[in-house]
Amino acid sequence: MNEVDILQLFAYLLPAVVTGVVAFYFFRLHTKNEDGRRRYLLHKDSQTKTLPIRLQAYERMALFLERISIPSLVVRVSPTSNNKNDYENLLIKSIENEFDHNLSQQIYMTDECWNIIKAAKSATIQIIRKAGMSESDTADKFREDILNASMDKASPSATALSYVKKEISDLW
């Protein structure tokens, strides 16, 4: 083969190679766009299906936080006897039962929100235990002590509830 034949072969081969590279580039770009579109449509579809479930989980946790707030807890859970320690245990058990009932809701919310809810539960139990160390000797007096202790500062439930509301607003 002489140089002219090689140049002719190269002249015929060059457009085919350039066309192949351009076709490969456009095919790859088209495939990437289609994958992105499919991912977007799948995310959009799953969002419309999971959003109501997530909102329901936030609603349940808001209800939980309202139910464990000291004033509503003390009104809702009446002492079964006049023993202060029995009433303290009954209040704590009521909070734990409420929490256990809503434990599965954590999969629908962020870890930070769930941790804040757990902290509010623990802080509420801590308030009850601190009030249990008071000098009161009857369950009714203990109720008053708990209410007085909760009046002095912001409720842990209220703080957690405001965070839950903020997180729900971020969903939109």
N, C-alpha and C. Protein backbone atom coordinates (compact mmCIF):
# COMPACT_ATOMS: atom_id res chain seq x y z
N MET A 1 0.85 -1.18 0.00
CA MET A 1 0.00 0.00 0.00
C MET A 1 0.89 1.24 0.00
N ASN A 2 0.48 2.14 -0.78
CA ASN A 2 1.27 3.36 -0.81
C ASN A 2 0.60 4.45 0.04
N GLU A 3 1.25 5.57 0.09
CA GLU A 3 0.79 6.64 0.97
C GLU A 3 -0.57 7.18 0.53
N VAL A 4 -0.84 7.22 -0.71
CA VAL A 4 -2.11 7.73 -1.23
C VAL A 4 -3.24 6.82 -0.78
N ASP A 5 -3.04 5.52 -0.83
CA ASP A 5 -4.07 4.57 -0.39
C ASP A 5 -4.33 4.71 1.12
N ILE A 6 -3.27 4.92 1.86
CA ILE A 6 -3.42 5.08 3.32
C ILE A 6 -4.18 6.38 3.62
N LEU A 7 -3.87 7.45 2.90
CA LEU A 7 -4.57 8.71 3.09
C LEU A 7 -6.04 8.60 2.69
N GLN A 8 -6.30 7.88 1.61
CA GLN A 8 -7.69 7.67 1.20
C GLN A 8 -8.44 6.86 2.26
N LEU A 9 -7.81 5.81 2.77
CA LEU A 9 -8.43 4.98 3.81
C LEU A 9 -8.69 5.83 5.06
N PHE A 10 -7.73 6.64 5.41
CA PHE A 10 -7.88 7.53 6.57
C PHE A 10 -8.99 8.54 6.31
N ALA A 11 -9.10 9.06 5.08
CA ALA A 11 -10.15 10.03 4.73
C ALA A 11 -11.53 9.39 4.82
N TYR A 12 -11.62 8.11 4.48
CA TYR A 12 -12.91 7.42 4.59
C TYR A 12 -13.21 7.03 6.05
N LEU A 13 -12.20 6.69 6.80
CA LEU A 13 -12.35 6.21 8.17
C LEU A 13 -12.63 7.35 9.16
N LEU A 14 -12.03 8.52 8.93
CA LEU A 14 -12.18 9.64 9.86
C LEU A 14 -13.63 10.08 10.04
N PRO A 15 -14.41 10.30 9.00
CA PRO A 15 -15.82 10.69 9.21
C PRO A 15 -16.62 9.61 9.95
N ALA A 16 -16.32 8.35 9.68
CA ALA A 16 -17.04 7.27 10.36
C ALA A 16 -16.72 7.26 11.85
N VAL A 17 -15.45 7.49 12.21
CA VAL A 17 -15.05 7.53 13.61
C VAL A 17 -15.69 8.74 14.30
N VAL A 18 -15.65 9.90 13.65
CA VAL A 18 -16.25 11.11 14.23
C VAL A 18 -17.75 10.90 14.40
N THR A 19 -18.41 10.35 13.42
CA THR A 19 -19.85 10.08 13.52
C THR A 19 -20.13 9.09 14.65
N GLY A 20 -19.30 8.09 14.79
CA GLY A 20 -19.48 7.11 15.87
C GLY A 20 -19.31 7.74 17.25
N VAL A 21 -18.29 8.60 17.40
CA VAL A 21 -18.06 9.27 18.69
C VAL A 21 -19.23 10.19 19.02
N VAL A 22 -19.69 10.96 18.05
CA VAL A 22 -20.82 11.86 18.27
C VAL A 22 -22.07 11.06 18.62
N ALA A 23 -22.31 9.97 17.91
CA ALA A 23 -23.48 9.13 18.20
C ALA A 23 -23.38 8.54 19.61
N PHE A 24 -22.20 8.09 19.99
CA PHE A 24 -22.01 7.54 21.34
C PHE A 24 -22.27 8.61 22.40
N TYR A 25 -21.75 9.82 22.17
CA TYR A 25 -21.95 10.91 23.12
C TYR A 25 -23.43 11.24 23.28
N PHE A 26 -24.16 11.38 22.15
CA PHE A 26 -25.58 11.69 22.23
C PHE A 26 -26.38 10.55 22.85
N PHE A 27 -26.02 9.32 22.54
CA PHE A 27 -26.71 8.17 23.13
C PHE A 27 -26.50 8.16 24.65
N ARG A 28 -25.27 8.41 25.08
CA ARG A 28 -24.99 8.44 26.51
C ARG A 28 -25.74 9.59 27.19
N LEU A 29 -25.79 10.76 26.59
CA LEU A 29 -26.52 11.90 27.13
C LEU A 29 -28.01 11.60 27.21
N HIS A 30 -28.55 10.98 26.17
CA HIS A 30 -29.97 10.62 26.15
C HIS A 30 -30.28 9.59 27.25
N THR A 31 -29.42 8.62 27.42
CA THR A 31 -29.62 7.60 28.46
C THR A 31 -29.57 8.22 29.85
N LYS A 32 -28.63 9.14 30.05
CA LYS A 32 -28.52 9.81 31.35
C LYS A 32 -29.77 10.64 31.64
N ASN A 33 -30.28 11.35 30.63
CA ASN A 33 -31.49 12.14 30.81
C ASN A 33 -32.70 11.25 31.10
N GLU A 34 -32.80 10.13 30.42
CA GLU A 34 -33.91 9.21 30.66
C GLU A 34 -33.85 8.62 32.07
N ASP A 35 -32.65 8.29 32.53
CA ASP A 35 -32.50 7.78 33.90
C ASP A 35 -32.92 8.84 34.92
N GLY A 36 -32.51 10.07 34.69
CA GLY A 36 -32.90 11.17 35.58
C GLY A 36 -34.40 11.39 35.57
N ARG A 37 -35.00 11.33 34.40
CA ARG A 37 -36.45 11.51 34.29
C ARG A 37 -37.19 10.38 35.00
N ARG A 38 -36.74 9.16 34.82
CA ARG A 38 -37.37 8.02 35.51
C ARG A 38 -37.22 8.15 37.02
N ARG A 39 -36.02 8.53 37.46
CA ARG A 39 -35.80 8.71 38.89
C ARG A 39 -36.70 9.80 39.46
N TYR A 40 -36.84 10.90 38.71
CA TYR A 40 -37.72 11.99 39.15
C TYR A 40 -39.18 11.52 39.23
N LEU A 41 -39.64 10.82 38.20
CA LEU A 41 -41.03 10.35 38.20
C LEU A 41 -41.27 9.34 39.32
N LEU A 42 -40.29 8.47 39.57
CA LEU A 42 -40.42 7.50 40.66
C LEU A 42 -40.45 8.21 42.00
N HIS A 43 -39.57 9.20 42.19
CA HIS A 43 -39.55 9.97 43.43
C HIS A 43 -40.86 10.74 43.62
N LYS A 44 -41.35 11.34 42.55
CA LYS A 44 -42.60 12.09 42.62
C LYS A 44 -43.76 11.17 42.97
N ASP A 45 -43.80 10.00 42.37
CA ASP A 45 -44.86 9.03 42.65
C ASP A 45 -44.79 8.54 44.09
N SER A 46 -43.58 8.22 44.55
CA SER A 46 -43.44 7.75 45.93
C SER A 46 -43.74 8.86 46.92
N GLN A 47 -43.42 10.10 46.56
CA GLN A 47 -43.69 11.24 47.44
C GLN A 47 -45.19 11.40 47.65
N THR A 48 -45.97 11.26 46.59
CA THR A 48 -47.42 11.42 46.72
C THR A 48 -48.03 10.29 47.54
N LYS A 49 -47.38 9.13 47.53
CA LYS A 49 -47.91 8.01 48.31
C LYS A 49 -47.44 8.05 49.77
N THR A 50 -46.21 8.51 50.00
CA THR A 50 -45.68 8.49 51.37
C THR A 50 -45.97 9.76 52.16
N LEU A 51 -46.25 10.86 51.50
CA LEU A 51 -46.49 12.11 52.22
C LEU A 51 -47.67 11.99 53.19
N PRO A 52 -48.80 11.42 52.80
CA PRO A 52 -49.89 11.28 53.78
C PRO A 52 -49.50 10.40 54.97
N ILE A 53 -48.71 9.38 54.74
CA ILE A 53 -48.28 8.51 55.84
C ILE A 53 -47.34 9.26 56.76
N ARG A 54 -46.43 10.03 56.19
CA ARG A 54 -45.51 10.81 57.01
C ARG A 54 -46.26 11.87 57.83
N LEU A 55 -47.22 12.52 57.20
CA LEU A 55 -48.00 13.52 57.93
C LEU A 55 -48.79 12.87 59.07
N GLN A 56 -49.30 11.68 58.82
CA GLN A 56 -50.01 10.96 59.87
C GLN A 56 -49.07 10.62 61.03
N ALA A 57 -47.84 10.27 60.73
CA ALA A 57 -46.86 9.97 61.77
C ALA A 57 -46.57 11.23 62.59
N TYR A 58 -46.42 12.36 61.92
CA TYR A 58 -46.19 13.61 62.65
C TYR A 58 -47.40 13.98 63.50
N GLU A 59 -48.59 13.72 62.96
CA GLU A 59 -49.81 13.98 63.75
C GLU A 59 -49.83 13.13 65.01
N ARG A 60 -49.49 11.87 64.86
CA ARG A 60 -49.49 10.99 66.03
C ARG A 60 -48.46 11.41 67.06
N MET A 61 -47.31 11.87 66.60
CA MET A 61 -46.29 12.31 67.55
C MET A 61 -46.69 13.64 68.19
N ALA A 62 -47.40 14.49 67.46
CA ALA A 62 -47.91 15.72 68.06
C ALA A 62 -48.94 15.38 69.14
N LEU A 63 -49.77 14.41 68.86
CA LEU A 63 -50.74 13.95 69.86
C LEU A 63 -50.03 13.35 71.07
N PHE A 64 -48.99 12.58 70.82
CA PHE A 64 -48.21 12.00 71.92
C PHE A 64 -47.62 13.11 72.79
N LEU A 65 -47.04 14.12 72.16
CA LEU A 65 -46.43 15.22 72.93
C LEU A 65 -47.48 15.99 73.72
N GLU A 66 -48.65 16.15 73.16
CA GLU A 66 -49.73 16.82 73.90
C GLU A 66 -50.19 15.97 75.08
N ARG A 67 -50.25 14.67 74.87
CA ARG A 67 -50.73 13.79 75.94
C ARG A 67 -49.74 13.66 77.09
N ILE A 68 -48.43 13.82 76.80
CA ILE A 68 -47.45 13.69 77.89
C ILE A 68 -47.08 15.03 78.51
N SER A 69 -47.68 16.11 78.01
CA SER A 69 -47.41 17.39 78.68
C SER A 69 -47.97 17.29 80.09
N ILE A 70 -47.25 17.84 81.04
CA ILE A 70 -47.57 17.66 82.46
C ILE A 70 -49.02 18.03 82.80
N PRO A 71 -49.52 19.20 82.39
CA PRO A 71 -50.90 19.53 82.77
C PRO A 71 -51.93 18.53 82.23
N SER A 72 -51.81 18.15 80.97
CA SER A 72 -52.80 17.21 80.43
C SER A 72 -52.60 15.81 80.99
N LEU A 73 -51.37 15.43 81.26
CA LEU A 73 -51.10 14.11 81.83
C LEU A 73 -51.70 13.99 83.23
N VAL A 74 -51.51 14.99 84.04
CA VAL A 74 -52.00 14.96 85.42
C VAL A 74 -53.53 14.96 85.44
N VAL A 75 -54.14 15.69 84.52
CA VAL A 75 -55.60 15.71 84.46
C VAL A 75 -56.14 14.38 83.94
N ARG A 76 -55.48 13.83 82.94
CA ARG A 76 -55.96 12.60 82.31
C ARG A 76 -55.74 11.37 83.18
N VAL A 77 -54.61 11.30 83.87
CA VAL A 77 -54.27 10.12 84.69
C VAL A 77 -54.54 10.46 86.15
N SER A 78 -55.59 9.89 86.66
CA SER A 78 -55.96 10.12 88.06
C SER A 78 -55.27 9.09 88.95
N PRO A 79 -54.98 9.48 90.18
CA PRO A 79 -54.36 8.51 91.09
C PRO A 79 -55.35 7.40 91.46
N THR A 80 -54.86 6.17 91.53
CA THR A 80 -55.72 5.05 91.90
C THR A 80 -55.74 4.85 93.41
N SER A 81 -54.74 5.40 94.06
CA SER A 81 -54.71 5.34 95.52
C SER A 81 -54.16 6.67 96.04
N ASN A 82 -54.01 6.76 97.32
CA ASN A 82 -53.49 7.99 97.90
C ASN A 82 -51.96 7.95 98.03
N ASN A 83 -51.34 6.87 97.60
CA ASN A 83 -49.90 6.69 97.70
C ASN A 83 -49.19 7.50 96.61
N LYS A 84 -48.29 8.34 97.01
CA LYS A 84 -47.55 9.21 96.09
C LYS A 84 -46.68 8.39 95.13
N ASN A 85 -45.98 7.39 95.64
CA ASN A 85 -45.09 6.58 94.81
C ASN A 85 -45.86 5.79 93.75
N ASP A 86 -47.03 5.29 94.12
CA ASP A 86 -47.85 4.58 93.13
C ASP A 86 -48.28 5.51 92.02
N TYR A 87 -48.64 6.72 92.38
CA TYR A 87 -49.07 7.70 91.37
C TYR A 87 -47.90 8.11 90.47
N GLU A 88 -46.74 8.29 91.05
CA GLU A 88 -45.55 8.61 90.26
C GLU A 88 -45.27 7.50 89.25
N ASN A 89 -45.31 6.26 89.70
CA ASN A 89 -45.09 5.13 88.79
C ASN A 89 -46.17 5.03 87.72
N LEU A 90 -47.42 5.35 88.11
CA LEU A 90 -48.51 5.31 87.15
C LEU A 90 -48.32 6.36 86.05
N LEU A 91 -47.89 7.55 86.42
CA LEU A 91 -47.63 8.59 85.43
C LEU A 91 -46.51 8.19 84.47
N ILE A 92 -45.44 7.67 85.03
CA ILE A 92 -44.30 7.26 84.19
C ILE A 92 -44.70 6.10 83.28
N LYS A 93 -45.45 5.18 83.82
CA LYS A 93 -45.90 4.04 83.02
C LYS A 93 -46.82 4.50 81.90
N SER A 94 -47.65 5.50 82.18
CA SER A 94 -48.53 6.04 81.16
C SER A 94 -47.73 6.66 80.02
N ILE A 95 -46.69 7.40 80.37
CA ILE A 95 -45.82 8.00 79.35
C ILE A 95 -45.13 6.92 78.53
N GLU A 96 -44.59 5.92 79.21
CA GLU A 96 -43.89 4.83 78.51
C GLU A 96 -44.84 4.06 77.59
N ASN A 97 -46.06 3.82 78.04
CA ASN A 97 -47.03 3.12 77.20
C ASN A 97 -47.39 3.93 75.96
N GLU A 98 -47.59 5.22 76.14
CA GLU A 98 -47.87 6.10 75.00
C GLU A 98 -46.72 6.06 74.00
N PHE A 99 -45.51 6.12 74.53
CA PHE A 99 -44.32 6.11 73.68
C PHE A 99 -44.20 4.78 72.93
N ASP A 100 -44.39 3.68 73.65
CA ASP A 100 -44.30 2.36 73.01
C ASP A 100 -45.35 2.20 71.93
N HIS A 101 -46.51 2.79 72.15
CA HIS A 101 -47.59 2.69 71.17
C HIS A 101 -47.22 3.41 69.87
N ASN A 102 -46.41 4.44 69.96
CA ASN A 102 -46.05 5.24 68.79
C ASN A 102 -44.62 5.00 68.31
N LEU A 103 -44.00 3.97 68.77
CA LEU A 103 -42.60 3.70 68.47
C LEU A 103 -42.33 3.53 66.97
N SER A 104 -43.25 2.96 66.26
CA SER A 104 -43.03 2.70 64.84
C SER A 104 -43.04 3.97 63.99
N GLN A 105 -43.48 5.08 64.54
CA GLN A 105 -43.56 6.32 63.76
C GLN A 105 -42.18 6.88 63.44
N GLN A 106 -41.15 6.40 64.11
CA GLN A 106 -39.81 6.94 63.89
C GLN A 106 -39.31 6.70 62.47
N ILE A 107 -39.83 5.70 61.79
CA ILE A 107 -39.34 5.44 60.43
C ILE A 107 -39.80 6.49 59.43
N TYR A 108 -40.79 7.30 59.80
CA TYR A 108 -41.32 8.30 58.89
C TYR A 108 -40.77 9.70 59.16
N MET A 109 -39.94 9.85 60.17
CA MET A 109 -39.43 11.18 60.48
C MET A 109 -37.91 11.16 60.56
N THR A 110 -37.33 12.34 60.59
CA THR A 110 -35.88 12.42 60.62
C THR A 110 -35.36 11.97 61.98
N ASP A 111 -34.10 11.56 62.00
CA ASP A 111 -33.49 11.13 63.26
C ASP A 111 -33.45 12.27 64.26
N GLU A 112 -33.20 13.47 63.79
CA GLU A 112 -33.12 14.61 64.70
C GLU A 112 -34.47 14.86 65.38
N CYS A 113 -35.54 14.78 64.62
CA CYS A 113 -36.88 14.99 65.18
C CYS A 113 -37.20 13.88 66.18
N TRP A 114 -36.88 12.65 65.82
CA TRP A 114 -37.15 11.53 66.72
C TRP A 114 -36.36 11.68 68.03
N ASN A 115 -35.12 12.09 67.92
CA ASN A 115 -34.30 12.28 69.12
C ASN A 115 -34.85 13.40 70.01
N ILE A 116 -35.39 14.43 69.40
CA ILE A 116 -35.98 15.52 70.18
C ILE A 116 -37.24 15.03 70.90
N ILE A 117 -38.01 14.20 70.24
CA ILE A 117 -39.21 13.64 70.87
C ILE A 117 -38.82 12.74 72.04
N LYS A 118 -37.79 11.92 71.84
CA LYS A 118 -37.32 11.05 72.93
C LYS A 118 -36.79 11.89 74.10
N ALA A 119 -36.10 12.97 73.78
CA ALA A 119 -35.58 13.85 74.83
C ALA A 119 -36.72 14.50 75.60
N ALA A 120 -37.79 14.88 74.91
CA ALA A 120 -38.95 15.47 75.59
C ALA A 120 -39.60 14.46 76.52
N LYS A 121 -39.68 13.22 76.08
CA LYS A 121 -40.24 12.17 76.93
C LYS A 121 -39.37 11.98 78.17
N SER A 122 -38.08 11.90 77.98
CA SER A 122 -37.16 11.71 79.11
C SER A 122 -37.19 12.91 80.06
N ALA A 123 -37.25 14.11 79.52
CA ALA A 123 -37.30 15.30 80.36
C ALA A 123 -38.59 15.36 81.16
N THR A 124 -39.68 14.93 80.56
CA THR A 124 -40.96 14.90 81.28
C THR A 124 -40.91 13.89 82.42
N ILE A 125 -40.35 12.74 82.16
CA ILE A 125 -40.18 11.73 83.22
C ILE A 125 -39.27 12.27 84.31
N GLN A 126 -38.24 12.99 83.92
CA GLN A 126 -37.31 13.58 84.90
C GLN A 126 -38.02 14.60 85.79
N ILE A 127 -38.90 15.39 85.21
CA ILE A 127 -39.66 16.37 85.99
C ILE A 127 -40.54 15.64 87.02
N ILE A 128 -41.14 14.55 86.58
CA ILE A 128 -42.00 13.78 87.50
C ILE A 128 -41.16 13.18 88.62
N ARG A 129 -40.00 12.66 88.27
CA ARG A 129 -39.14 12.06 89.31
C ARG A 129 -38.62 13.12 90.29
N LYS A 130 -38.27 14.29 89.79
CA LYS A 130 -37.81 15.36 90.69
C LYS A 130 -38.94 15.79 91.62
N ALA A 131 -40.14 15.87 91.08
CA ALA A 131 -41.28 16.24 91.92
C ALA A 131 -41.56 15.12 92.93
N GLY A 132 -41.22 13.89 92.56
CA GLY A 132 -41.41 12.76 93.48
C GLY A 132 -40.49 12.83 94.68
N MET A 133 -39.43 13.60 94.59
CA MET A 133 -38.51 13.75 95.72
C MET A 133 -38.99 14.79 96.72
N SER A 134 -40.14 15.38 96.44
CA SER A 134 -40.65 16.44 97.32
C SER A 134 -41.15 15.84 98.64
N GLU A 135 -41.52 16.72 99.51
CA GLU A 135 -41.96 16.34 100.85
C GLU A 135 -43.41 15.86 100.88
N SER A 136 -44.09 15.95 99.76
CA SER A 136 -45.51 15.59 99.75
C SER A 136 -45.69 14.12 100.14
N ASP A 137 -46.81 13.87 100.80
CA ASP A 137 -47.05 12.51 101.27
C ASP A 137 -48.28 11.88 100.65
N THR A 138 -49.10 12.65 99.94
CA THR A 138 -50.28 12.08 99.28
C THR A 138 -50.19 12.30 97.78
N ALA A 139 -50.97 11.53 97.06
CA ALA A 139 -50.97 11.62 95.59
C ALA A 139 -51.51 12.98 95.14
N ASP A 140 -52.52 13.50 95.82
CA ASP A 140 -53.09 14.79 95.44
C ASP A 140 -52.08 15.93 95.64
N LYS A 141 -51.35 15.88 96.72
CA LYS A 141 -50.31 16.88 96.97
C LYS A 141 -49.19 16.75 95.93
N PHE A 142 -48.89 15.51 95.58
CA PHE A 142 -47.87 15.24 94.55
C PHE A 142 -48.31 15.84 93.21
N ARG A 143 -49.60 15.74 92.87
CA ARG A 143 -50.13 16.34 91.65
C ARG A 143 -49.87 17.84 91.65
N GLU A 144 -50.13 18.47 92.76
CA GLU A 144 -49.89 19.91 92.87
C GLU A 144 -48.41 20.24 92.69
N ASP A 145 -47.55 19.42 93.29
CA ASP A 145 -46.11 19.65 93.17
C ASP A 145 -45.65 19.54 91.71
N ILE A 146 -46.19 18.56 91.01
CA ILE A 146 -45.81 18.38 89.60
C ILE A 146 -46.27 19.58 88.78
N LEU A 147 -47.50 20.00 88.99
CA LEU A 147 -48.02 21.15 88.26
C LEU A 147 -47.22 22.41 88.57
N ASN A 148 -46.88 22.61 89.82
CA ASN A 148 -46.08 23.78 90.19
C ASN A 148 -44.69 23.73 89.56
N ALA A 149 -44.10 22.55 89.51
CA ALA A 149 -42.77 22.41 88.91
C ALA A 149 -42.81 22.68 87.41
N SER A 150 -43.91 22.32 86.77
CA SER A 150 -44.01 22.52 85.32
C SER A 150 -44.38 23.95 84.95
N MET A 151 -44.92 24.70 85.89
CA MET A 151 -45.30 26.09 85.61
C MET A 151 -44.09 27.01 85.52
N ASP A 152 -43.01 26.66 86.16
CA ASP A 152 -41.84 27.55 86.25
C ASP A 152 -41.09 27.67 84.93
N LYS A 153 -41.10 26.64 84.12
CA LYS A 153 -40.29 26.67 82.90
C LYS A 153 -41.07 26.12 81.72
N ALA A 154 -40.50 26.27 80.55
CA ALA A 154 -41.15 25.79 79.32
C ALA A 154 -41.24 24.27 79.35
N SER A 155 -42.35 23.77 78.89
CA SER A 155 -42.58 22.33 78.87
C SER A 155 -41.71 21.67 77.80
N PRO A 156 -41.10 20.52 78.12
CA PRO A 156 -40.32 19.81 77.09
C PRO A 156 -41.20 19.40 75.91
N SER A 157 -42.44 19.08 76.19
CA SER A 157 -43.36 18.70 75.12
C SER A 157 -43.62 19.87 74.17
N ALA A 158 -43.77 21.06 74.73
CA ALA A 158 -44.02 22.24 73.89
C ALA A 158 -42.82 22.53 72.99
N THR A 159 -41.64 22.37 73.53
CA THR A 159 -40.43 22.60 72.73
C THR A 159 -40.33 21.59 71.60
N ALA A 160 -40.58 20.34 71.93
CA ALA A 160 -40.53 19.29 70.90
C ALA A 160 -41.64 19.49 69.87
N LEU A 161 -42.80 19.90 70.32
CA LEU A 161 -43.92 20.11 69.40
C LEU A 161 -43.62 21.24 68.42
N SER A 162 -42.97 22.28 68.89
CA SER A 162 -42.61 23.36 67.97
C SER A 162 -41.60 22.87 66.93
N TYR A 163 -40.71 21.97 67.33
CA TYR A 163 -39.77 21.42 66.35
C TYR A 163 -40.50 20.54 65.34
N VAL A 164 -41.46 19.74 65.80
CA VAL A 164 -42.24 18.90 64.89
C VAL A 164 -42.98 19.78 63.88
N LYS A 165 -43.56 20.86 64.34
CA LYS A 165 -44.26 21.77 63.44
C LYS A 165 -43.31 22.38 62.42
N LYS A 166 -42.10 22.72 62.86
CA LYS A 166 -41.11 23.27 61.94
C LYS A 166 -40.73 22.25 60.88
N GLU A 167 -40.56 21.01 61.32
CA GLU A 167 -40.17 19.97 60.36
C GLU A 167 -41.30 19.68 59.37
N ILE A 168 -42.53 19.75 59.81
CA ILE A 168 -43.66 19.56 58.89
C ILE A 168 -43.69 20.69 57.87
N SER A 169 -43.42 21.90 58.31
CA SER A 169 -43.42 23.01 57.36
C SER A 169 -42.31 22.86 56.33
N ASP A 170 -41.23 22.17 56.69
CA ASP A 170 -40.14 21.93 55.74
C ASP A 170 -40.51 20.89 54.68
N LEU A 171 -41.54 20.10 54.92
CA LEU A 171 -41.96 19.10 53.95
C LEU A 171 -42.59 19.73 52.71
N TRP A 172 -43.11 20.90 52.86
CA TRP A 172 -43.78 21.55 51.72
C TRP A 172 -42.76 22.16 50.88
